[in-house]
Amino acid sequence: FLYQLQPLYELLDEQGVDVVLAGHEHNYQRFAPMDAFGRADPDGLRLFIVGTGGDTYGDLPEGEVAMNREAAQDRSFGVLRMVLGDGGYSFEFVTAPGERDFTDAGEGECV
């Protein structure tokens, strides 16, 4: 899906954006830092897709971009809690009550 928004990701990467939050897909996905073309890059942007607040689930997409995916699920509703701080952030996926448990948490740096 990165290719669909390629000019936007190139601009975000050029401007040094550290975190991108997206929805639309009815699932949760977290990607390793990458460049605007989806290639692993420790200094690149980290993408979160959090479309788990609706009333339907969407199957996880397959394909080349999935190679940088670090965590994903498509069977539990929930939200992403992010805490932004000076020079970094922490994140935690919080599963909605009554949903199948799914855990994803961590932190990252911002420059």
Protein backbone atom coordinates (compact mmCIF):
# COMPACT_ATOMS: atom_id res chain seq x y z
CA PHE A 1 0.00 0.00 0.00
CA LEU A 2 2.96 2.38 0.37
CA TYR A 3 3.12 2.89 -3.39
CA GLN A 4 -0.39 4.38 -3.39
CA LEU A 5 0.81 7.28 -1.22
CA GLN A 6 4.41 7.34 -2.42
CA PRO A 7 4.73 11.14 -2.79
CA LEU A 8 3.37 11.65 0.72
CA TYR A 9 5.76 9.10 2.26
CA GLU A 10 8.68 10.65 0.39
CA LEU A 11 7.78 14.07 1.81
CA LEU A 12 7.38 12.67 5.34
CA ASP A 13 10.72 10.88 5.07
CA GLU A 14 12.49 13.97 3.71
CA GLN A 15 11.13 16.05 6.58
CA GLY A 16 12.38 13.58 9.20
CA VAL A 17 9.00 12.34 10.41
CA ASP A 18 9.47 9.59 12.99
CA VAL A 19 5.94 8.16 13.42
CA VAL A 20 3.00 7.81 11.03
CA LEU A 21 -0.47 6.79 12.25
CA ALA A 22 -2.99 5.45 9.76
CA GLY A 23 -6.40 3.80 9.91
CA HIS A 24 -8.63 2.61 7.09
CA GLU A 25 -7.53 -1.05 7.18
CA HIS A 26 -9.67 -2.85 9.79
CA ASN A 27 -6.72 -4.44 11.58
CA TYR A 28 -3.62 -3.51 13.57
CA GLN A 29 -0.14 -3.44 12.09
CA ARG A 30 3.18 -2.06 13.34
CA PHE A 31 6.16 -1.78 11.02
CA ALA A 32 9.87 -1.46 11.70
CA PRO A 33 11.35 1.93 10.83
CA MET A 34 11.62 2.21 7.05
CA ASP A 35 12.35 4.64 4.27
CA ALA A 36 9.72 6.07 1.94
CA PHE A 37 9.96 2.99 -0.28
CA GLY A 38 9.27 0.46 2.48
CA ARG A 39 12.89 -0.64 2.93
CA ALA A 40 14.16 -1.20 6.46
CA ASP A 41 15.96 1.90 7.74
CA PRO A 42 16.73 2.41 11.44
CA ASP A 43 16.51 6.18 10.89
CA GLY A 44 13.25 5.97 8.92
CA LEU A 45 9.64 6.41 9.87
CA ARG A 46 7.66 3.88 11.89
CA LEU A 47 4.17 3.17 10.59
CA PHE A 48 1.24 2.10 12.74
CA ILE A 49 -2.04 1.08 11.13
CA VAL A 50 -4.77 1.11 13.76
CA GLY A 51 -8.16 0.43 12.22
CA THR A 52 -9.45 -1.66 15.10
CA GLY A 53 -12.16 0.64 16.40
CA GLY A 54 -14.92 -0.26 13.97
CA ASP A 55 -17.45 -3.03 13.82
CA THR A 56 -15.78 -5.33 11.29
CA TYR A 57 -12.41 -7.01 10.96
CA GLY A 58 -10.26 -6.83 7.84
CA ASP A 59 -7.85 -9.58 6.88
CA LEU A 60 -4.19 -8.71 7.05
CA PRO A 61 -2.78 -7.89 3.62
CA GLU A 62 0.01 -9.98 2.20
CA GLY A 63 2.81 -8.76 0.00
CA GLU A 64 6.20 -7.17 -0.07
CA VAL A 65 5.46 -4.42 2.47
CA ALA A 66 4.68 -7.09 5.09
CA MET A 67 8.39 -7.93 5.31
CA ASN A 68 8.93 -4.97 7.66
CA ARG A 69 5.89 -5.78 9.75
CA GLU A 70 6.82 -6.42 13.37
CA ALA A 71 3.37 -7.01 14.86
CA ALA A 72 -0.12 -7.52 13.49
CA GLN A 73 -3.55 -8.84 14.31
CA ASP A 74 -6.94 -8.86 12.62
CA ARG A 75 -9.24 -10.48 15.19
CA SER A 76 -9.52 -8.04 18.14
CA PHE A 77 -10.88 -4.53 18.46
CA GLY A 78 -8.90 -2.03 20.49
CA VAL A 79 -6.95 1.22 20.50
CA LEU A 80 -3.33 2.32 20.42
CA ARG A 81 -2.26 4.27 23.48
CA MET A 82 0.71 6.51 22.70
CA VAL A 83 2.62 8.67 25.14
CA LEU A 84 4.78 11.31 23.50
CA GLY A 85 7.76 12.68 25.37
CA ASP A 86 10.86 14.75 24.83
CA GLY A 87 12.86 12.74 22.30
CA GLY A 88 10.69 9.65 22.24
CA TYR A 89 7.39 7.85 22.59
CA SER A 90 5.91 4.73 24.09
CA PHE A 91 3.01 2.72 22.69
CA GLU A 92 0.66 -0.03 23.81
CA PHE A 93 -2.21 -1.73 22.01
CA VAL A 94 -5.15 -1.91 24.43
CA THR A 95 -7.65 -4.64 23.59
CA ALA A 96 -11.34 -3.74 23.93
CA PRO A 97 -13.25 -5.48 26.75
CA GLY A 98 -14.52 -8.89 25.71
CA GLU A 99 -12.10 -9.22 22.79
CA ARG A 100 -9.40 -11.85 22.32
CA ASP A 101 -6.24 -10.67 24.05
CA PHE A 102 -3.53 -9.21 21.88
CA THR A 103 -0.46 -7.47 23.26
CA ASP A 104 1.92 -5.10 21.54
CA ALA A 105 3.95 -2.46 23.38
CA GLY A 106 7.25 -0.71 23.10
CA GLU A 107 8.98 2.58 22.63
CA GLY A 108 10.88 4.54 20.06
CA GLU A 109 13.06 7.59 19.67
CA CYS A 110 12.26 10.86 17.94
CA VAL A 111 14.94 13.20 16.65
